[in-house]
Amino acid sequence: MPRSLNLTRHCLGLDTRIECVVLPLAGNSGLWTLICAAGMSGNQPSAIKSQGPFHGPFVAEGVLAGIAESLLDMGYGECSEVPIWRLHIQAELRRLNGERGRHLGDYQFQPET
């Protein structure tokens, strides 16, 4: 299963697009995430969603395969065009990594008490 997917659908004169990518989270912890951006072709994405973290890339790829199957059943088709929302997806990955970094150190250490 590939780690990225680009799909489009033409409906009522509009082209909708979905780009999904499986990416590793920071920290060499073996955790991966699936990030999807969706919207109208030629515009900024109207939605960016992430799922995970998953333990390993194969788990995330399995989720991506399930999403792809569902979208293909809904009339989406594979798109051979170059991904256009990679920067948005990278920004979401940075946001997720930043949140994880803050939560890893959210504790108080008071050895005297």
N, C-alpha and C. Protein backbone atom coordinates (compact mmCIF):
# COMPACT_ATOMS: atom_id res chain seq x y z
N MET A 1 0.85 -1.19 0.00
CA MET A 1 0.00 0.00 0.00
C MET A 1 0.88 1.24 0.00
N PRO A 2 0.59 2.18 -0.87
CA PRO A 2 1.36 3.42 -0.87
C PRO A 2 1.10 4.25 0.37
N ARG A 3 2.00 5.16 0.66
CA ARG A 3 1.86 6.03 1.83
C ARG A 3 1.23 7.36 1.49
N SER A 4 0.76 7.52 0.26
CA SER A 4 0.05 8.75 -0.11
C SER A 4 -1.01 8.41 -1.16
N LEU A 5 -1.99 9.28 -1.22
CA LEU A 5 -3.13 9.03 -2.10
C LEU A 5 -3.71 10.36 -2.52
N ASN A 6 -3.97 10.53 -3.81
CA ASN A 6 -4.64 11.71 -4.34
C ASN A 6 -5.86 11.25 -5.11
N LEU A 7 -7.02 11.77 -4.72
CA LEU A 7 -8.28 11.39 -5.36
C LEU A 7 -9.05 12.64 -5.77
N THR A 8 -9.80 12.54 -6.86
CA THR A 8 -10.69 13.63 -7.27
C THR A 8 -12.05 13.05 -7.66
N ARG A 9 -13.03 13.95 -7.64
CA ARG A 9 -14.38 13.57 -8.08
C ARG A 9 -15.02 14.79 -8.74
N HIS A 10 -15.58 14.57 -9.90
CA HIS A 10 -16.30 15.64 -10.61
C HIS A 10 -17.79 15.42 -10.37
N CYS A 11 -18.42 16.43 -9.77
CA CYS A 11 -19.85 16.32 -9.45
C CYS A 11 -20.49 17.70 -9.55
N LEU A 12 -21.57 17.79 -10.29
CA LEU A 12 -22.32 19.04 -10.46
C LEU A 12 -21.44 20.19 -10.93
N GLY A 13 -20.51 19.89 -11.82
CA GLY A 13 -19.64 20.92 -12.37
C GLY A 13 -18.47 21.33 -11.50
N LEU A 14 -18.30 20.68 -10.36
CA LEU A 14 -17.21 21.01 -9.44
C LEU A 14 -16.27 19.82 -9.28
N ASP A 15 -15.00 20.13 -9.12
CA ASP A 15 -14.00 19.08 -8.88
C ASP A 15 -13.56 19.15 -7.43
N THR A 16 -13.84 18.08 -6.70
CA THR A 16 -13.36 17.99 -5.32
C THR A 16 -12.13 17.11 -5.30
N ARG A 17 -11.28 17.38 -4.32
CA ARG A 17 -9.98 16.72 -4.25
C ARG A 17 -9.71 16.30 -2.81
N ILE A 18 -9.09 15.15 -2.66
CA ILE A 18 -8.65 14.66 -1.35
C ILE A 18 -7.23 14.15 -1.48
N GLU A 19 -6.35 14.66 -0.63
CA GLU A 19 -4.96 14.19 -0.57
C GLU A 19 -4.71 13.63 0.82
N CYS A 20 -4.19 12.41 0.88
CA CYS A 20 -3.90 11.76 2.16
C CYS A 20 -2.45 11.29 2.16
N VAL A 21 -1.80 11.43 3.32
CA VAL A 21 -0.39 11.02 3.45
C VAL A 21 -0.18 10.37 4.81
N VAL A 22 0.56 9.27 4.82
CA VAL A 22 0.99 8.60 6.05
C VAL A 22 2.39 9.11 6.36
N LEU A 23 2.59 9.68 7.56
CA LEU A 23 3.87 10.29 7.92
C LEU A 23 4.28 9.87 9.34
N PRO A 24 5.61 9.79 9.57
CA PRO A 24 6.07 9.48 10.93
C PRO A 24 5.99 10.72 11.82
N LEU A 25 5.65 10.50 13.08
CA LEU A 25 5.68 11.58 14.06
C LEU A 25 7.10 11.75 14.57
N ALA A 26 7.41 12.91 15.08
CA ALA A 26 8.77 13.21 15.55
C ALA A 26 9.09 12.39 16.79
N GLY A 27 10.38 12.23 17.03
CA GLY A 27 10.83 11.59 18.25
C GLY A 27 11.30 10.16 18.10
N ASN A 28 11.31 9.62 16.89
CA ASN A 28 11.74 8.23 16.68
C ASN A 28 11.06 7.24 17.62
N SER A 29 9.77 7.49 17.87
CA SER A 29 9.01 6.63 18.78
C SER A 29 8.30 5.51 18.06
N GLY A 30 8.36 5.49 16.75
CA GLY A 30 7.66 4.47 15.98
C GLY A 30 6.19 4.78 15.76
N LEU A 31 5.78 6.02 16.10
CA LEU A 31 4.38 6.42 15.92
C LEU A 31 4.22 7.14 14.59
N TRP A 32 3.12 6.82 13.93
CA TRP A 32 2.81 7.39 12.62
C TRP A 32 1.43 8.01 12.65
N THR A 33 1.16 8.91 11.72
CA THR A 33 -0.14 9.55 11.62
C THR A 33 -0.60 9.55 10.17
N LEU A 34 -1.89 9.68 9.98
CA LEU A 34 -2.49 9.82 8.66
C LEU A 34 -3.12 11.20 8.60
N ILE A 35 -2.71 12.01 7.64
CA ILE A 35 -3.24 13.36 7.48
C ILE A 35 -3.91 13.46 6.12
N CYS A 36 -5.14 13.98 6.11
CA CYS A 36 -5.89 14.16 4.87
C CYS A 36 -6.32 15.62 4.73
N ALA A 37 -6.18 16.14 3.52
CA ALA A 37 -6.65 17.48 3.19
C ALA A 37 -7.70 17.33 2.10
N ALA A 38 -8.78 18.10 2.21
CA ALA A 38 -9.88 17.99 1.25
C ALA A 38 -10.40 19.37 0.90
N GLY A 39 -10.89 19.50 -0.32
CA GLY A 39 -11.48 20.76 -0.75
C GLY A 39 -11.69 20.76 -2.25
N MET A 40 -11.92 21.95 -2.78
CA MET A 40 -12.14 22.12 -4.20
C MET A 40 -10.79 22.21 -4.91
N SER A 41 -10.67 21.54 -6.03
CA SER A 41 -9.43 21.60 -6.81
C SER A 41 -9.13 23.04 -7.20
N GLY A 42 -7.87 23.42 -7.10
CA GLY A 42 -7.46 24.77 -7.46
C GLY A 42 -7.61 25.78 -6.35
N ASN A 43 -8.13 25.38 -5.21
CA ASN A 43 -8.30 26.27 -4.06
C ASN A 43 -7.51 25.75 -2.87
N GLN A 44 -7.55 26.49 -1.78
CA GLN A 44 -6.97 26.02 -0.53
C GLN A 44 -7.86 24.89 0.01
N PRO A 45 -7.30 23.96 0.78
CA PRO A 45 -8.16 22.91 1.34
C PRO A 45 -9.16 23.51 2.33
N SER A 46 -10.36 22.98 2.33
CA SER A 46 -11.39 23.46 3.25
C SER A 46 -11.39 22.65 4.55
N ALA A 47 -10.71 21.51 4.55
CA ALA A 47 -10.63 20.69 5.76
C ALA A 47 -9.31 19.93 5.76
N ILE A 48 -8.71 19.85 6.95
CA ILE A 48 -7.52 19.03 7.16
C ILE A 48 -7.77 18.21 8.42
N LYS A 49 -7.69 16.91 8.29
CA LYS A 49 -7.97 16.00 9.41
C LYS A 49 -6.80 15.05 9.57
N SER A 50 -6.56 14.66 10.82
CA SER A 50 -5.52 13.67 11.07
C SER A 50 -6.11 12.54 11.90
N GLN A 51 -5.54 11.37 11.74
CA GLN A 51 -5.92 10.19 12.52
C GLN A 51 -4.65 9.57 13.07
N GLY A 52 -4.76 9.03 14.24
CA GLY A 52 -3.61 8.39 14.87
C GLY A 52 -3.34 9.00 16.22
N PRO A 53 -2.25 8.70 16.83
CA PRO A 53 -1.09 8.03 16.26
C PRO A 53 -1.29 6.52 16.16
N PHE A 54 -0.58 5.94 15.20
CA PHE A 54 -0.60 4.51 14.97
C PHE A 54 0.78 3.94 15.28
N HIS A 55 0.81 2.73 15.77
CA HIS A 55 2.08 2.06 16.08
C HIS A 55 2.61 1.40 14.82
N GLY A 56 3.38 2.15 14.05
CA GLY A 56 4.00 1.63 12.85
C GLY A 56 3.30 2.10 11.59
N PRO A 57 4.03 2.15 10.49
CA PRO A 57 3.46 2.64 9.24
C PRO A 57 2.42 1.70 8.65
N PHE A 58 2.55 0.40 8.90
CA PHE A 58 1.62 -0.54 8.26
C PHE A 58 0.20 -0.40 8.81
N VAL A 59 0.08 -0.05 10.07
CA VAL A 59 -1.25 0.17 10.65
C VAL A 59 -1.89 1.40 10.00
N ALA A 60 -1.11 2.49 9.89
CA ALA A 60 -1.62 3.70 9.25
C ALA A 60 -1.96 3.46 7.78
N GLU A 61 -1.14 2.68 7.09
CA GLU A 61 -1.41 2.36 5.70
C GLU A 61 -2.69 1.55 5.56
N GLY A 62 -2.96 0.68 6.52
CA GLY A 62 -4.21 -0.08 6.50
C GLY A 62 -5.43 0.82 6.64
N VAL A 63 -5.33 1.82 7.50
CA VAL A 63 -6.42 2.79 7.65
C VAL A 63 -6.59 3.58 6.35
N LEU A 64 -5.47 3.99 5.75
CA LEU A 64 -5.52 4.70 4.47
C LEU A 64 -6.19 3.83 3.40
N ALA A 65 -5.88 2.55 3.37
CA ALA A 65 -6.50 1.65 2.39
C ALA A 65 -8.01 1.59 2.58
N GLY A 66 -8.46 1.54 3.83
CA GLY A 66 -9.89 1.53 4.10
C GLY A 66 -10.58 2.81 3.66
N ILE A 67 -9.94 3.93 3.92
CA ILE A 67 -10.48 5.23 3.49
C ILE A 67 -10.54 5.29 1.97
N ALA A 68 -9.47 4.85 1.32
CA ALA A 68 -9.42 4.88 -0.14
C ALA A 68 -10.54 4.03 -0.74
N GLU A 69 -10.74 2.85 -0.19
CA GLU A 69 -11.80 1.97 -0.69
C GLU A 69 -13.17 2.63 -0.57
N SER A 70 -13.41 3.26 0.56
CA SER A 70 -14.68 3.94 0.78
C SER A 70 -14.87 5.10 -0.19
N LEU A 71 -13.82 5.90 -0.39
CA LEU A 71 -13.91 7.03 -1.30
C LEU A 71 -14.08 6.58 -2.75
N LEU A 72 -13.43 5.51 -3.15
CA LEU A 72 -13.60 4.98 -4.50
C LEU A 72 -15.03 4.52 -4.71
N ASP A 73 -15.64 3.92 -3.68
CA ASP A 73 -17.05 3.51 -3.76
C ASP A 73 -17.98 4.72 -3.89
N MET A 74 -17.54 5.88 -3.39
CA MET A 74 -18.35 7.11 -3.44
C MET A 74 -18.15 7.87 -4.75
N GLY A 75 -17.34 7.34 -5.66
CA GLY A 75 -17.18 7.97 -6.96
C GLY A 75 -15.89 8.73 -7.17
N TYR A 76 -15.01 8.73 -6.19
CA TYR A 76 -13.71 9.36 -6.37
C TYR A 76 -12.85 8.47 -7.24
N GLY A 77 -11.93 9.09 -7.95
CA GLY A 77 -10.99 8.35 -8.77
C GLY A 77 -9.57 8.80 -8.49
N GLU A 78 -8.63 7.92 -8.76
CA GLU A 78 -7.23 8.28 -8.52
C GLU A 78 -6.82 9.43 -9.43
N CYS A 79 -6.02 10.31 -8.90
CA CYS A 79 -5.58 11.50 -9.60
C CYS A 79 -4.07 11.39 -9.83
N SER A 80 -3.65 11.57 -11.06
CA SER A 80 -2.22 11.47 -11.37
C SER A 80 -1.52 12.82 -11.28
N GLU A 81 -2.26 13.88 -10.97
CA GLU A 81 -1.66 15.21 -10.85
C GLU A 81 -0.75 15.28 -9.63
N VAL A 82 0.13 16.25 -9.66
CA VAL A 82 1.04 16.48 -8.54
C VAL A 82 0.23 16.95 -7.32
N PRO A 83 0.56 16.46 -6.12
CA PRO A 83 -0.14 16.94 -4.92
C PRO A 83 0.02 18.46 -4.79
N ILE A 84 -1.06 19.14 -4.42
CA ILE A 84 -1.02 20.60 -4.32
C ILE A 84 -1.10 21.10 -2.88
N TRP A 85 -1.38 20.21 -1.94
CA TRP A 85 -1.59 20.66 -0.56
C TRP A 85 -0.53 20.12 0.41
N ARG A 86 0.65 19.78 -0.10
CA ARG A 86 1.70 19.23 0.76
C ARG A 86 2.11 20.20 1.86
N LEU A 87 2.14 21.49 1.56
CA LEU A 87 2.51 22.46 2.60
C LEU A 87 1.49 22.49 3.72
N HIS A 88 0.23 22.37 3.39
CA HIS A 88 -0.82 22.35 4.41
C HIS A 88 -0.68 21.09 5.27
N ILE A 89 -0.38 19.98 4.62
CA ILE A 89 -0.21 18.72 5.35
C ILE A 89 1.02 18.79 6.24
N GLN A 90 2.12 19.38 5.74
CA GLN A 90 3.33 19.54 6.57
C GLN A 90 3.05 20.44 7.77
N ALA A 91 2.26 21.48 7.58
CA ALA A 91 1.91 22.37 8.70
C ALA A 91 1.11 21.61 9.76
N GLU A 92 0.22 20.76 9.33
CA GLU A 92 -0.55 19.95 10.28
C GLU A 92 0.37 18.98 11.02
N LEU A 93 1.33 18.39 10.33
CA LEU A 93 2.29 17.51 10.98
C LEU A 93 3.10 18.27 12.03
N ARG A 94 3.56 19.49 11.70
CA ARG A 94 4.29 20.30 12.68
C ARG A 94 3.41 20.60 13.89
N ARG A 95 2.13 20.90 13.65
CA ARG A 95 1.21 21.18 14.76
C ARG A 95 1.07 19.95 15.66
N LEU A 96 0.90 18.79 15.04
CA LEU A 96 0.76 17.55 15.82
C LEU A 96 2.03 17.26 16.62
N ASN A 97 3.19 17.43 16.00
CA ASN A 97 4.45 17.19 16.69
C ASN A 97 4.64 18.18 17.84
N GLY A 98 4.23 19.42 17.64
CA GLY A 98 4.32 20.43 18.69
C GLY A 98 3.43 20.09 19.87
N GLU A 99 2.22 19.63 19.61
CA GLU A 99 1.31 19.23 20.69
C GLU A 99 1.86 18.04 21.46
N ARG A 100 2.42 17.09 20.74
CA ARG A 100 2.98 15.91 21.41
C ARG A 100 4.15 16.30 22.29
N GLY A 101 4.99 17.22 21.82
CA GLY A 101 6.14 17.66 22.60
C GLY A 101 5.74 18.34 23.89
N ARG A 102 4.69 19.13 23.84
CA ARG A 102 4.20 19.82 25.06
C ARG A 102 3.63 18.81 26.05
N HIS A 103 2.92 17.82 25.56
CA HIS A 103 2.28 16.87 26.46
C HIS A 103 3.26 15.89 27.08
N LEU A 104 4.36 15.64 26.40
CA LEU A 104 5.34 14.71 26.95
C LEU A 104 5.97 15.26 28.23
N GLY A 105 6.02 16.57 28.38
CA GLY A 105 6.63 17.16 29.56
C GLY A 105 5.63 17.79 30.51
N ASP A 106 4.35 17.49 30.38
CA ASP A 106 3.33 18.08 31.24
C ASP A 106 3.25 17.35 32.58
N TYR A 107 4.21 17.60 33.42
CA TYR A 107 4.17 17.04 34.76
C TYR A 107 4.99 17.95 35.66
N GLN A 108 4.76 17.83 36.95
CA GLN A 108 5.54 18.60 37.91
C GLN A 108 6.43 17.63 38.69
N PHE A 109 7.64 18.01 38.81
CA PHE A 109 8.60 17.17 39.53
C PHE A 109 9.00 17.90 40.81
N GLN A 110 8.56 17.35 41.95
CA GLN A 110 8.86 17.96 43.25
C GLN A 110 9.37 16.89 44.20
N PRO A 111 10.67 16.59 44.15
CA PRO A 111 11.18 15.50 44.98
C PRO A 111 11.15 15.79 46.48
N GLU A 112 11.07 17.07 46.87
CA GLU A 112 11.08 17.41 48.30
C GLU A 112 9.76 17.13 48.99
N THR A 113 8.66 17.01 48.28
CA THR A 113 7.37 16.83 48.93
C THR A 113 6.99 15.40 49.10
